Amino acid sequence: MAINANMNTSYALSNFEQVLAPVIDRAIAEMNKEKGGAAVLKRSIVEALQAGTFISKFQVRKPEPGRQMTIGELCESYKHETTLQVIDPSAVEKVLFGPDGLIRKAGGGRAPYLMEDIEVGYIKDPIAGQVIGPVITSGRNRTLALQVMLRAAGVADSGIEILPIRVGVIEVASAEELQRRIISANTGSRDFSRAETRERTSASGGLMLLDRDHIQRTIALAKDEAAFKAAMGAWIKDAALSNGLNSLTPAQYADTGVAIWNGLVKTNRPEGKTFYSWIKADTLRFVQIARVAEEALPMAVTSATGNKSAGPLASKLAKVLLPVIANRCSLNA
């Protein structure tokens, strides 16, 4: 299952050791066997690093040399993200132990190459003369898998950081186009949750959904109602993650935020306006509502998870939060 990183943070393996611990332990156990393919692989990795031939030995051959980036540079690409990072431990494990597993293939043996290059994207505005990037458009899990394999082979983190690998590069004209590329490039490799698709589609025009601080600073740039919905979902999700509320999945918390927005839209026409136009006229109102929901979240989670009636947990949680919001913000529940 795909999970969210708790913070906007580097893709260095050290930041994901807890969630990837089973994969790391499995890789180390395989590499430490005295005989077999993984033992040979370990020696081959060390030799390739010493000879500077990692790309030719461990990435699928291509007629053109392509661009190179160090793993450290890929890890630092998080700085240009506009939505909360998502990794999938099962996808990391598949790169190393799946049908084309680099350490061990399902059924025996191992794949000689990483079959797909990591792809990075740049937002290039020729009029403003501005270039933003890189952002990993496809390959976050491959970036982590390579680090797991290298660490299991005994390579120090400092050595992993400076290792160059070949990458694919694309250029786009806007943040919106970049997010569409991320969704498109990853179709088939793993399932995007509705929440992730919603957030990536809405992260454009300057709106950043990395965490509550970024949302508060950029919410005035939300381009339409869908962006406000995504922002409310991202806010509730980040609040839950930051407070260690793990009774629901990140996607369920994001769906809760959308349900809150929909509930407020349905029952409110403040100052004779639609709820959306009222919020758009003063986006501090959005922040006030989101903060009230955030403060009530721990209590509401306890109440919602204790409700054994049928129905989605996200809907139950939104139903608990809506009266609290209405009371504190002088709205209708």
C-alpha atoms as a PDB file:
ATOM      1  CA  MET A   1       0.000   0.000   0.000  1.00  0.00           C
ATOM      2  CA  ALA A   2       1.323   3.450  -0.901  1.00  0.00           C
ATOM      3  CA  ILE A   3       2.026   5.634   2.120  1.00  0.00           C
ATOM      4  CA  ASN A   4       2.769   9.294   2.658  1.00  0.00           C
ATOM      5  CA  ALA A   5       6.026  10.556   4.033  1.00  0.00           C
ATOM      6  CA  ASN A   6       5.385  12.440   7.273  1.00  0.00           C
ATOM      7  CA  MET A   7       7.198  15.548   6.049  1.00  0.00           C
ATOM      8  CA  ASN A   8       8.507  17.174   2.927  1.00  0.00           C
ATOM      9  CA  THR A   9      11.846  15.405   3.112  1.00  0.00           C
ATOM     10  CA  SER A  10      14.723  13.991   1.077  1.00  0.00           C
ATOM     11  CA  TYR A  11      14.370  10.620  -0.648  1.00  0.00           C
ATOM     12  CA  ALA A  12      17.525   9.430   1.111  1.00  0.00           C
ATOM     13  CA  LEU A  13      17.008   5.903   2.435  1.00  0.00           C
ATOM     14  CA  SER A  14      17.800   7.035   5.970  1.00  0.00           C
ATOM     15  CA  ASN A  15      14.466   8.895   6.013  1.00  0.00           C
ATOM     16  CA  PHE A  16      12.472   5.770   5.129  1.00  0.00           C
ATOM     17  CA  GLU A  17      14.249   3.075   7.124  1.00  0.00           C
ATOM     18  CA  GLN A  18      11.302   2.341   9.376  1.00  0.00           C
ATOM     19  CA  VAL A  19       8.715   1.748   6.657  1.00  0.00           C
ATOM     20  CA  LEU A  20      11.205  -0.110   4.449  1.00  0.00           C
ATOM     21  CA  ALA A  21      12.787  -2.166   7.244  1.00  0.00           C
ATOM     22  CA  PRO A  22      11.418  -5.549   6.003  1.00  0.00           C
ATOM     23  CA  VAL A  23      12.756  -4.914   2.483  1.00  0.00           C
ATOM     24  CA  ILE A  24      16.135  -3.724   3.794  1.00  0.00           C
ATOM     25  CA  ASP A  25      16.455  -6.762   6.087  1.00  0.00           C
ATOM     26  CA  ARG A  26      15.558  -9.129   3.245  1.00  0.00           C
ATOM     27  CA  ALA A  27      18.101  -7.518   0.913  1.00  0.00           C
ATOM     28  CA  ILE A  28      20.891  -7.691   3.511  1.00  0.00           C
ATOM     29  CA  ALA A  29      20.094 -11.339   4.276  1.00  0.00           C
ATOM     30  CA  GLU A  30      20.301 -12.238   0.578  1.00  0.00           C
ATOM     31  CA  MET A  31      23.521 -10.316   0.025  1.00  0.00           C
ATOM     32  CA  ASN A  32      25.200 -11.928   3.039  1.00  0.00           C
ATOM     33  CA  LYS A  33      24.719 -15.481   1.777  1.00  0.00           C
ATOM     34  CA  GLU A  34      28.089 -17.068   1.091  1.00  0.00           C
ATOM     35  CA  LYS A  35      26.961 -18.618  -2.176  1.00  0.00           C
ATOM     36  CA  GLY A  36      24.370 -17.908  -4.838  1.00  0.00           C
ATOM     37  CA  GLY A  37      23.413 -15.079  -7.155  1.00  0.00           C
ATOM     38  CA  ALA A  38      23.143 -12.411  -4.479  1.00  0.00           C
ATOM     39  CA  ALA A  39      26.657 -13.084  -3.246  1.00  0.00           C
ATOM     40  CA  VAL A  40      27.945 -12.695  -6.802  1.00  0.00           C
ATOM     41  CA  LEU A  41      25.843  -9.537  -7.160  1.00  0.00           C
ATOM     42  CA  LYS A  42      27.435  -8.045  -4.070  1.00  0.00           C
ATOM     43  CA  ARG A  43      30.915  -8.501  -5.504  1.00  0.00           C
ATOM     44  CA  SER A  44      29.770  -7.195  -8.891  1.00  0.00           C
ATOM     45  CA  ILE A  45      28.367  -4.002  -7.341  1.00  0.00           C
ATOM     46  CA  VAL A  46      31.597  -3.276  -5.487  1.00  0.00           C
ATOM     47  CA  GLU A  47      33.646  -3.880  -8.639  1.00  0.00           C
ATOM     48  CA  ALA A  48      31.350  -1.637 -10.724  1.00  0.00           C
ATOM     49  CA  LEU A  49      31.645   1.204  -8.235  1.00  0.00           C
ATOM     50  CA  GLN A  50      35.413   0.902  -8.176  1.00  0.00           C
ATOM     51  CA  ALA A  51      35.589   0.875 -11.984  1.00  0.00           C
ATOM     52  CA  GLY A  52      32.923   3.540 -12.535  1.00  0.00           C
ATOM     53  CA  THR A  53      30.811   1.150 -14.631  1.00  0.00           C
ATOM     54  CA  PHE A  54      27.590   1.010 -12.584  1.00  0.00           C
ATOM     55  CA  ILE A  55      25.438   2.450 -15.390  1.00  0.00           C
ATOM     56  CA  SER A  56      26.666   0.011 -18.049  1.00  0.00           C
ATOM     57  CA  LYS A  57      26.395  -2.980 -15.741  1.00  0.00           C
ATOM     58  CA  PHE A  58      23.148  -2.261 -13.897  1.00  0.00           C
ATOM     59  CA  GLN A  59      20.980  -0.167 -16.216  1.00  0.00           C
ATOM     60  CA  VAL A  60      19.379  -1.465 -19.394  1.00  0.00           C
ATOM     61  CA  ARG A  61      21.483  -0.629 -22.458  1.00  0.00           C
ATOM     62  CA  LYS A  62      20.415   2.298 -24.634  1.00  0.00           C
ATOM     63  CA  PRO A  63      21.911   3.631 -27.876  1.00  0.00           C
ATOM     64  CA  GLU A  64      22.339   7.134 -26.467  1.00  0.00           C
ATOM     65  CA  PRO A  65      24.343   7.946 -23.314  1.00  0.00           C
ATOM     66  CA  GLY A  66      21.544  10.103 -21.882  1.00  0.00           C
ATOM     67  CA  ARG A  67      21.741  12.440 -18.899  1.00  0.00           C
ATOM     68  CA  GLN A  68      23.283  11.525 -15.586  1.00  0.00           C
ATOM     69  CA  MET A  69      22.402  12.558 -12.046  1.00  0.00           C
ATOM     70  CA  THR A  70      23.786  11.355  -8.747  1.00  0.00           C
ATOM     71  CA  ILE A  71      21.491   9.505  -6.383  1.00  0.00           C
ATOM     72  CA  GLY A  72      22.034  12.359  -3.957  1.00  0.00           C
ATOM     73  CA  GLU A  73      20.718  14.849  -6.521  1.00  0.00           C
ATOM     74  CA  LEU A  74      17.647  12.667  -7.076  1.00  0.00           C
ATOM     75  CA  CYS A  75      17.080  12.481  -3.325  1.00  0.00           C
ATOM     76  CA  GLU A  76      17.206  16.271  -3.065  1.00  0.00           C
ATOM     77  CA  SER A  77      14.641  16.726  -5.853  1.00  0.00           C
ATOM     78  CA  TYR A  78      11.995  16.765  -3.109  1.00  0.00           C
ATOM     79  CA  LYS A  79      12.699  20.502  -2.780  1.00  0.00           C
ATOM     80  CA  HIS A  80      10.764  21.149  -5.987  1.00  0.00           C
ATOM     81  CA  GLU A  81       7.706  19.023  -5.103  1.00  0.00           C
ATOM     82  CA  THR A  82       4.309  20.692  -4.766  1.00  0.00           C
ATOM     83  CA  THR A  83       2.397  17.799  -3.170  1.00  0.00           C
ATOM     84  CA  LEU A  84       3.108  15.480  -0.257  1.00  0.00           C
ATOM     85  CA  GLN A  85       5.464  12.669  -1.207  1.00  0.00           C
ATOM     86  CA  VAL A  86       4.149   9.141  -1.611  1.00  0.00           C
ATOM     87  CA  ILE A  87       6.165   5.945  -1.557  1.00  0.00           C
ATOM     88  CA  ASP A  88       5.049   2.338  -1.918  1.00  0.00           C
ATOM     89  CA  PRO A  89       7.053  -0.254   0.052  1.00  0.00           C
ATOM     90  CA  SER A  90       5.577  -3.055  -2.072  1.00  0.00           C
ATOM     91  CA  ALA A  91       6.812  -1.301  -5.229  1.00  0.00           C
ATOM     92  CA  VAL A  92      10.306  -0.946  -3.727  1.00  0.00           C
ATOM     93  CA  GLU A  93      10.270  -4.655  -2.912  1.00  0.00           C
ATOM     94  CA  LYS A  94       9.076  -5.502  -6.443  1.00  0.00           C
ATOM     95  CA  VAL A  95      12.069  -3.726  -8.005  1.00  0.00           C
ATOM     96  CA  LEU A  96      14.394  -5.906  -5.936  1.00  0.00           C
ATOM     97  CA  PHE A  97      12.471  -9.188  -5.683  1.00  0.00           C
ATOM     98  CA  GLY A  98       9.698  -9.095  -8.309  1.00  0.00           C
ATOM     99  CA  PRO A  99       9.558 -10.526 -11.846  1.00  0.00           C
ATOM    100  CA  ASP A 100      12.567  -8.372 -12.827  1.00  0.00           C
ATOM    101  CA  GLY A 101      14.112  -8.306  -9.360  1.00  0.00           C
ATOM    102  CA  LEU A 102      17.597  -6.854  -9.194  1.00  0.00           C
ATOM    103  CA  ILE A 103      18.554  -9.008  -6.196  1.00  0.00           C
ATOM    104  CA  ARG A 104      16.388 -12.051  -6.812  1.00  0.00           C
ATOM    105  CA  LYS A 105      13.653 -12.661  -9.357  1.00  0.00           C
ATOM    106  CA  ALA A 106      10.429 -14.384  -8.435  1.00  0.00           C
ATOM    107  CA  GLY A 107      11.104 -17.996  -9.432  1.00  0.00           C
ATOM    108  CA  GLY A 108      14.881 -17.761  -9.184  1.00  0.00           C
ATOM    109  CA  GLY A 109      17.838 -15.968 -10.697  1.00  0.00           C
ATOM    110  CA  ARG A 110      18.002 -12.204 -10.933  1.00  0.00           C
ATOM    111  CA  ALA A 111      17.502  -9.501 -13.558  1.00  0.00           C
ATOM    112  CA  PRO A 112      20.797  -8.029 -14.805  1.00  0.00           C
ATOM    113  CA  TYR A 113      19.513  -4.473 -15.263  1.00  0.00           C
ATOM    114  CA  LEU A 114      17.171  -1.879 -13.877  1.00  0.00           C
ATOM    115  CA  MET A 115      14.679  -2.148 -16.734  1.00  0.00           C
ATOM    116  CA  GLU A 116      13.334   1.408 -16.594  1.00  0.00           C
ATOM    117  CA  ASP A 117      15.335   4.576 -16.069  1.00  0.00           C
ATOM    118  CA  ILE A 118      14.215   7.053 -13.445  1.00  0.00           C
ATOM    119  CA  GLU A 119      12.575  10.031 -15.139  1.00  0.00           C
ATOM    120  CA  VAL A 120      12.879  13.624 -13.968  1.00  0.00           C
ATOM    121  CA  GLY A 121      10.991  16.660 -15.157  1.00  0.00           C
ATOM    122  CA  TYR A 122      11.728  20.377 -15.353  1.00  0.00           C
ATOM    123  CA  ILE A 123       9.231  23.224 -15.609  1.00  0.00           C
ATOM    124  CA  LYS A 124      10.700  25.527 -18.249  1.00  0.00           C
ATOM    125  CA  ASP A 125       9.228  28.977 -18.808  1.00  0.00           C
ATOM    126  CA  PRO A 126      11.056  30.525 -21.794  1.00  0.00           C
ATOM    127  CA  ILE A 127       9.279  33.873 -21.376  1.00  0.00           C
ATOM    128  CA  ALA A 128      10.295  34.322 -17.741  1.00  0.00           C
ATOM    129  CA  GLY A 129      13.609  32.589 -18.357  1.00  0.00           C
ATOM    130  CA  GLN A 130      12.923  30.349 -15.370  1.00  0.00           C
ATOM    131  CA  VAL A 131      13.618  26.649 -14.908  1.00  0.00           C
ATOM    132  CA  ILE A 132      12.224  24.738 -11.910  1.00  0.00           C
ATOM    133  CA  GLY A 133      13.371  21.254 -11.111  1.00  0.00           C
ATOM    134  CA  PRO A 134      14.275  18.507 -11.181  1.00  0.00           C
ATOM    135  CA  VAL A 135      11.182  16.669  -9.925  1.00  0.00           C
ATOM    136  CA  ILE A 136      11.051  12.879 -10.127  1.00  0.00           C
ATOM    137  CA  THR A 137       8.140  12.197 -12.469  1.00  0.00           C
ATOM    138  CA  SER A 138       8.602   8.428 -12.416  1.00  0.00           C
ATOM    139  CA  GLY A 139      10.901   6.443 -10.174  1.00  0.00           C
ATOM    140  CA  ARG A 140      10.701   7.464  -6.521  1.00  0.00           C
ATOM    141  CA  ASN A 141      10.413   3.817  -5.544  1.00  0.00           C
ATOM    142  CA  ARG A 142      13.256   2.843  -7.910  1.00  0.00           C
ATOM    143  CA  THR A 143      15.423   5.540  -6.317  1.00  0.00           C
ATOM    144  CA  LEU A 144      14.834   3.965  -2.924  1.00  0.00           C
ATOM    145  CA  ALA A 145      15.258   0.403  -4.245  1.00  0.00           C
ATOM    146  CA  LEU A 146      18.683   1.221  -5.671  1.00  0.00           C
ATOM    147  CA  GLN A 147      19.717   2.624  -2.307  1.00  0.00           C
ATOM    148  CA  VAL A 148      18.501  -0.528  -0.538  1.00  0.00           C
ATOM    149  CA  MET A 149      20.488  -2.730  -2.939  1.00  0.00           C
ATOM    150  CA  LEU A 150      23.645  -0.655  -2.581  1.00  0.00           C
ATOM    151  CA  ARG A 151      23.434  -0.516   1.204  1.00  0.00           C
ATOM    152  CA  ALA A 152      22.891  -4.292   1.330  1.00  0.00           C
ATOM    153  CA  ALA A 153      26.084  -4.650  -0.724  1.00  0.00           C
ATOM    154  CA  GLY A 154      27.960  -2.752   1.974  1.00  0.00           C
ATOM    155  CA  VAL A 155      28.162   0.654   0.280  1.00  0.00           C
ATOM    156  CA  ALA A 156      28.194   3.551   2.745  1.00  0.00           C
ATOM    157  CA  ASP A 157      25.465   6.190   2.475  1.00  0.00           C
ATOM    158  CA  SER A 158      28.130   8.739   1.496  1.00  0.00           C
ATOM    159  CA  GLY A 159      29.162   6.504  -1.408  1.00  0.00           C
ATOM    160  CA  ILE A 160      25.557   5.974  -2.495  1.00  0.00           C
ATOM    161  CA  GLU A 161      24.936   9.711  -2.513  1.00  0.00           C
ATOM    162  CA  ILE A 162      27.659  10.466  -5.066  1.00  0.00           C
ATOM    163  CA  LEU A 163      26.914   7.549  -7.417  1.00  0.00           C
ATOM    164  CA  PRO A 164      25.818   8.772 -10.869  1.00  0.00           C
ATOM    165  CA  ILE A 165      23.034   6.953 -12.725  1.00  0.00           C
ATOM    166  CA  ARG A 166      21.398   7.588 -16.085  1.00  0.00           C
ATOM    167  CA  VAL A 167      18.023   9.348 -16.031  1.00  0.00           C
ATOM    168  CA  GLY A 168      15.384  10.282 -18.556  1.00  0.00           C
ATOM    169  CA  VAL A 169      14.553  13.992 -18.764  1.00  0.00           C
ATOM    170  CA  ILE A 170      11.379  15.777 -19.835  1.00  0.00           C
ATOM    171  CA  GLU A 171      10.486  19.467 -19.998  1.00  0.00           C
ATOM    172  CA  VAL A 172       7.015  20.875 -19.415  1.00  0.00           C
ATOM    173  CA  ALA A 173       5.506  24.341 -19.477  1.00  0.00           C
ATOM    174  CA  SER A 174       3.673  24.424 -16.129  1.00  0.00           C
ATOM    175  CA  ALA A 175       3.257  22.788 -12.727  1.00  0.00           C
ATOM    176  CA  GLU A 176      -0.132  21.495 -13.864  1.00  0.00           C
ATOM    177  CA  GLU A 177       1.429  19.750 -16.851  1.00  0.00           C
ATOM    178  CA  LEU A 178       4.122  18.271 -14.610  1.00  0.00           C
ATOM    179  CA  GLN A 179       1.538  16.765 -12.282  1.00  0.00           C
ATOM    180  CA  ARG A 180      -0.365  15.296 -15.241  1.00  0.00           C
ATOM    181  CA  ARG A 181       2.898  13.730 -16.420  1.00  0.00           C
ATOM    182  CA  ILE A 182       3.492  12.185 -12.987  1.00  0.00           C
ATOM    183  CA  ILE A 183       0.047  10.589 -13.039  1.00  0.00           C
ATOM    184  CA  SER A 184       0.484   9.392 -16.637  1.00  0.00           C
ATOM    185  CA  ALA A 185       4.037   8.083 -16.186  1.00  0.00           C
ATOM    186  CA  ASN A 186       3.078   6.008 -13.161  1.00  0.00           C
ATOM    187  CA  THR A 187      -0.110   4.465 -14.535  1.00  0.00           C
ATOM    188  CA  GLY A 188       0.354   0.726 -14.336  1.00  0.00           C
ATOM    189  CA  SER A 189       3.320   0.772 -11.971  1.00  0.00           C
ATOM    190  CA  ARG A 190       1.065   1.308  -8.966  1.00  0.00           C
ATOM    191  CA  ASP A 191      -2.436   2.531  -8.276  1.00  0.00           C
ATOM    192  CA  PHE A 192      -2.793   6.193  -7.417  1.00  0.00           C
ATOM    193  CA  SER A 193      -5.387   6.766  -4.729  1.00  0.00           C
ATOM    194  CA  ARG A 194      -8.169   9.214  -5.484  1.00  0.00           C
ATOM    195  CA  ALA A 195      -6.568  11.542  -2.958  1.00  0.00           C
ATOM    196  CA  GLU A 196      -3.161  11.504  -4.642  1.00  0.00           C
ATOM    197  CA  THR A 197      -4.654  12.033  -8.105  1.00  0.00           C
ATOM    198  CA  ARG A 198      -6.831  14.853  -6.765  1.00  0.00           C
ATOM    199  CA  GLU A 199      -3.896  16.586  -5.083  1.00  0.00           C
ATOM    200  CA  ARG A 200      -1.543  16.260  -8.029  1.00  0.00           C
ATOM    201  CA  THR A 201      -4.193  17.549 -10.443  1.00  0.00           C
ATOM    202  CA  SER A 202      -4.857  20.555  -8.202  1.00  0.00           C
ATOM    203  CA  ALA A 203      -1.217  21.443  -7.476  1.00  0.00           C
ATOM    204  CA  SER A 204      -0.761  24.151 -10.091  1.00  0.00           C
ATOM    205  CA  GLY A 205      -0.711  27.909 -10.429  1.00  0.00           C
ATOM    206  CA  GLY A 206       1.364  28.205  -7.253  1.00  0.00           C
ATOM    207  CA  LEU A 207      -0.869  26.157  -4.930  1.00  0.00           C
ATOM    208  CA  MET A 208       1.322  23.817  -2.884  1.00  0.00           C
ATOM    209  CA  LEU A 209      -0.173  20.897  -0.964  1.00  0.00           C
ATOM    210  CA  LEU A 210       2.974  19.641   0.765  1.00  0.00           C
ATOM    211  CA  ASP A 211       1.745  20.368   4.292  1.00  0.00           C
ATOM    212  CA  ARG A 212      -0.471  22.762   6.262  1.00  0.00           C
ATOM    213  CA  ASP A 213       2.104  25.548   6.251  1.00  0.00           C
ATOM    214  CA  HIS A 214       2.452  25.460   2.457  1.00  0.00           C
ATOM    215  CA  ILE A 215      -1.318  25.260   2.031  1.00  0.00           C
ATOM    216  CA  GLN A 216      -1.874  28.287   4.261  1.00  0.00           C
ATOM    217  CA  ARG A 217       0.730  30.323   2.364  1.00  0.00           C
ATOM    218  CA  THR A 218      -0.565  29.423  -1.113  1.00  0.00           C
ATOM    219  CA  ILE A 219      -4.304  28.777  -0.734  1.00  0.00           C
ATOM    220  CA  ALA A 220      -5.125  32.181  -2.256  1.00  0.00           C
ATOM    221  CA  LEU A 221      -3.733  30.762  -5.519  1.00  0.00           C
ATOM    222  CA  ALA A 222      -6.289  27.932  -5.686  1.00  0.00           C
ATOM    223  CA  LYS A 223      -7.691  28.128  -9.200  1.00  0.00           C
ATOM    224  CA  ASP A 224     -11.099  26.466  -8.744  1.00  0.00           C
ATOM    225  CA  GLU A 225     -13.360  24.632  -6.319  1.00  0.00           C
ATOM    226  CA  ALA A 226     -11.645  21.301  -6.991  1.00  0.00           C
ATOM    227  CA  ALA A 227      -8.392  22.844  -5.756  1.00  0.00           C
ATOM    228  CA  PHE A 228     -10.043  23.942  -2.496  1.00  0.00           C
ATOM    229  CA  LYS A 229     -11.421  20.420  -2.009  1.00  0.00           C
ATOM    230  CA  ALA A 230      -7.982  18.925  -2.560  1.00  0.00           C
ATOM    231  CA  ALA A 231      -6.457  21.466  -0.187  1.00  0.00           C
ATOM    232  CA  MET A 232      -8.940  20.615   2.565  1.00  0.00           C
ATOM    233  CA  GLY A 233      -8.174  16.927   2.078  1.00  0.00           C
ATOM    234  CA  ALA A 234      -4.428  17.545   2.164  1.00  0.00           C
ATOM    235  CA  TRP A 235      -4.783  19.697   5.299  1.00  0.00           C
ATOM    236  CA  ILE A 236      -6.716  17.035   7.226  1.00  0.00           C
ATOM    237  CA  LYS A 237      -4.300  14.342   6.048  1.00  0.00           C
ATOM    238  CA  ASP A 238      -1.235  16.306   7.141  1.00  0.00           C
ATOM    239  CA  ALA A 239      -2.817  17.120  10.510  1.00  0.00           C
ATOM    240  CA  ALA A 240      -3.539  13.426  11.095  1.00  0.00           C
ATOM    241  CA  LEU A 241      -0.036  12.326  10.065  1.00  0.00           C
ATOM    242  CA  SER A 242       1.613  14.983  12.228  1.00  0.00           C
ATOM    243  CA  ASN A 243      -0.411  13.902  15.262  1.00  0.00           C
ATOM    244  CA  GLY A 244       0.210  10.183  14.782  1.00  0.00           C
ATOM    245  CA  LEU A 245      -3.450   9.438  14.142  1.00  0.00           C
ATOM    246  CA  ASN A 246      -3.143   6.120  12.314  1.00  0.00           C
ATOM    247  CA  SER A 247      -6.664   4.751  12.763  1.00  0.00           C
ATOM    248  CA  LEU A 248      -7.438   5.738   9.155  1.00  0.00           C
ATOM    249  CA  THR A 249      -5.210   5.626   6.092  1.00  0.00           C
ATOM    250  CA  PRO A 250      -3.803   8.866   4.623  1.00  0.00           C
ATOM    251  CA  ALA A 251      -6.234   8.504   1.713  1.00  0.00           C
ATOM    252  CA  GLN A 252      -9.178   8.180   4.129  1.00  0.00           C
ATOM    253  CA  TYR A 253      -8.151  11.360   5.936  1.00  0.00           C
ATOM    254  CA  ALA A 254      -7.905  13.155   2.597  1.00  0.00           C
ATOM    255  CA  ASP A 255     -11.371  11.888   1.665  1.00  0.00           C
ATOM    256  CA  THR A 256     -12.594  13.228   5.013  1.00  0.00           C
ATOM    257  CA  GLY A 257     -11.465  16.711   4.034  1.00  0.00           C
ATOM    258  CA  VAL A 258     -13.359  16.479   0.753  1.00  0.00           C
ATOM    259  CA  ALA A 259     -16.471  15.258   2.585  1.00  0.00           C
ATOM    260  CA  ILE A 260     -16.195  18.235   4.959  1.00  0.00           C
ATOM    261  CA  TRP A 261     -16.035  20.626   2.013  1.00  0.00           C
ATOM    262  CA  ASN A 262     -18.987  18.969   0.300  1.00  0.00           C
ATOM    263  CA  GLY A 263     -21.017  19.062   3.500  1.00  0.00           C
ATOM    264  CA  LEU A 264     -20.367  22.779   4.013  1.00  0.00           C
ATOM    265  CA  VAL A 265     -21.204  23.544   0.380  1.00  0.00           C
ATOM    266  CA  LYS A 266     -24.500  21.699   0.686  1.00  0.00           C
ATOM    267  CA  THR A 267     -25.759  23.564   3.764  1.00  0.00           C
ATOM    268  CA  ASN A 268     -24.307  27.072   3.468  1.00  0.00           C
ATOM    269  CA  ARG A 269     -24.860  30.197   1.386  1.00  0.00           C
ATOM    270  CA  PRO A 270     -23.118  32.812   3.559  1.00  0.00           C
ATOM    271  CA  GLU A 271     -23.879  36.423   2.678  1.00  0.00           C
ATOM    272  CA  GLY A 272     -26.088  35.127  -0.125  1.00  0.00           C
ATOM    273  CA  LYS A 273     -23.087  33.650  -1.955  1.00  0.00           C
ATOM    274  CA  THR A 274     -22.169  30.101  -2.781  1.00  0.00           C
ATOM    275  CA  PHE A 275     -19.859  28.623  -0.175  1.00  0.00           C
ATOM    276  CA  TYR A 276     -17.072  28.443  -2.763  1.00  0.00           C
ATOM    277  CA  SER A 277     -17.336  32.110  -3.775  1.00  0.00           C
ATOM    278  CA  TRP A 278     -17.505  33.137  -0.103  1.00  0.00           C
ATOM    279  CA  ILE A 279     -14.275  31.270   0.630  1.00  0.00           C
ATOM    280  CA  LYS A 280     -12.648  32.528  -2.561  1.00  0.00           C
ATOM    281  CA  ALA A 281     -13.396  36.116  -1.569  1.00  0.00           C
ATOM    282  CA  ASP A 282     -11.364  35.695   1.642  1.00  0.00           C
ATOM    283  CA  THR A 283      -9.215  32.576   1.840  1.00  0.00           C
ATOM    284  CA  LEU A 284      -8.483  33.227   5.521  1.00  0.00           C
ATOM    285  CA  ARG A 285     -11.923  31.700   6.019  1.00  0.00           C
ATOM    286  CA  PHE A 286     -10.590  28.453   4.555  1.00  0.00           C
ATOM    287  CA  VAL A 287      -7.696  28.457   7.013  1.00  0.00           C
ATOM    288  CA  GLN A 288     -10.025  29.156   9.956  1.00  0.00           C
ATOM    289  CA  ILE A 289     -12.286  26.235   9.044  1.00  0.00           C
ATOM    290  CA  ALA A 290      -9.339  23.911   8.465  1.00  0.00           C
ATOM    291  CA  ARG A 291      -7.779  24.803  11.817  1.00  0.00           C
ATOM    292  CA  VAL A 292     -11.028  24.148  13.663  1.00  0.00           C
ATOM    293  CA  ALA A 293     -11.274  20.734  11.992  1.00  0.00           C
ATOM    294  CA  GLU A 294      -7.646  20.038  12.863  1.00  0.00           C
ATOM    295  CA  GLU A 295      -8.129  20.860  16.544  1.00  0.00           C
ATOM    296  CA  ALA A 296     -11.167  18.596  16.795  1.00  0.00           C
ATOM    297  CA  LEU A 297      -9.590  15.764  14.823  1.00  0.00           C
ATOM    298  CA  PRO A 298      -8.261  13.528  17.672  1.00  0.00           C
ATOM    299  CA  MET A 299     -11.613  13.502  19.469  1.00  0.00           C
ATOM    300  CA  ALA A 300     -13.497  13.026  16.217  1.00  0.00           C
ATOM    301  CA  VAL A 301     -11.343  10.064  15.174  1.00  0.00           C
ATOM    302  CA  THR A 302     -12.120   8.303  18.456  1.00  0.00           C
ATOM    303  CA  SER A 303     -15.832   8.912  17.945  1.00  0.00           C
ATOM    304  CA  ALA A 304     -15.842   7.860  14.277  1.00  0.00           C
ATOM    305  CA  THR A 305     -13.858   4.661  14.777  1.00  0.00           C
ATOM    306  CA  GLY A 306     -16.115   3.718  17.665  1.00  0.00           C
ATOM    307  CA  ASN A 307     -19.166   3.992  15.399  1.00  0.00           C
ATOM    308  CA  LYS A 308     -19.858   0.413  14.267  1.00  0.00           C
ATOM    309  CA  SER A 309     -22.626   1.285  11.827  1.00  0.00           C
ATOM    310  CA  ALA A 310     -22.128   0.625   8.135  1.00  0.00           C
ATOM    311  CA  GLY A 311     -20.470   3.232   5.975  1.00  0.00           C
ATOM    312  CA  PRO A 312     -17.053   4.620   5.046  1.00  0.00           C
ATOM    313  CA  LEU A 313     -14.894   5.839   7.923  1.00  0.00           C
ATOM    314  CA  ALA A 314     -14.159   9.068   6.070  1.00  0.00           C
ATOM    315  CA  SER A 315     -17.865   9.897   5.926  1.00  0.00           C
ATOM    316  CA  LYS A 316     -18.294   9.055   9.615  1.00  0.00           C
ATOM    317  CA  LEU A 317     -15.363  11.280  10.560  1.00  0.00           C
ATOM    318  CA  ALA A 318     -16.646  14.187   8.465  1.00  0.00           C
ATOM    319  CA  LYS A 319     -20.076  13.799  10.071  1.00  0.00           C
ATOM    320  CA  VAL A 320     -18.512  14.219  13.525  1.00  0.00           C
ATOM    321  CA  LEU A 321     -16.436  17.228  12.478  1.00  0.00           C
ATOM    322  CA  LEU A 322     -19.090  19.191  10.592  1.00  0.00           C
ATOM    323  CA  PRO A 323     -21.146  20.300  13.660  1.00  0.00           C
ATOM    324  CA  VAL A 324     -17.957  21.369  15.440  1.00  0.00           C
ATOM    325  CA  ILE A 325     -16.932  23.473  12.447  1.00  0.00           C
ATOM    326  CA  ALA A 326     -20.412  24.949  12.110  1.00  0.00           C
ATOM    327  CA  ASN A 327     -20.526  25.918  15.787  1.00  0.00           C
ATOM    328  CA  ARG A 328     -17.052  27.491  15.871  1.00  0.00           C
ATOM    329  CA  CYS A 329     -17.277  29.236  12.500  1.00  0.00           C
ATOM    330  CA  SER A 330     -20.949  30.357  12.629  1.00  0.00           C
ATOM    331  CA  LEU A 331     -21.994  28.106   9.747  1.00  0.00           C
ATOM    332  CA  ASN A 332     -24.699  25.544   9.162  1.00  0.00           C
ATOM    333  CA  ALA A 333     -23.854  21.863   9.670  1.00  0.00           C
END
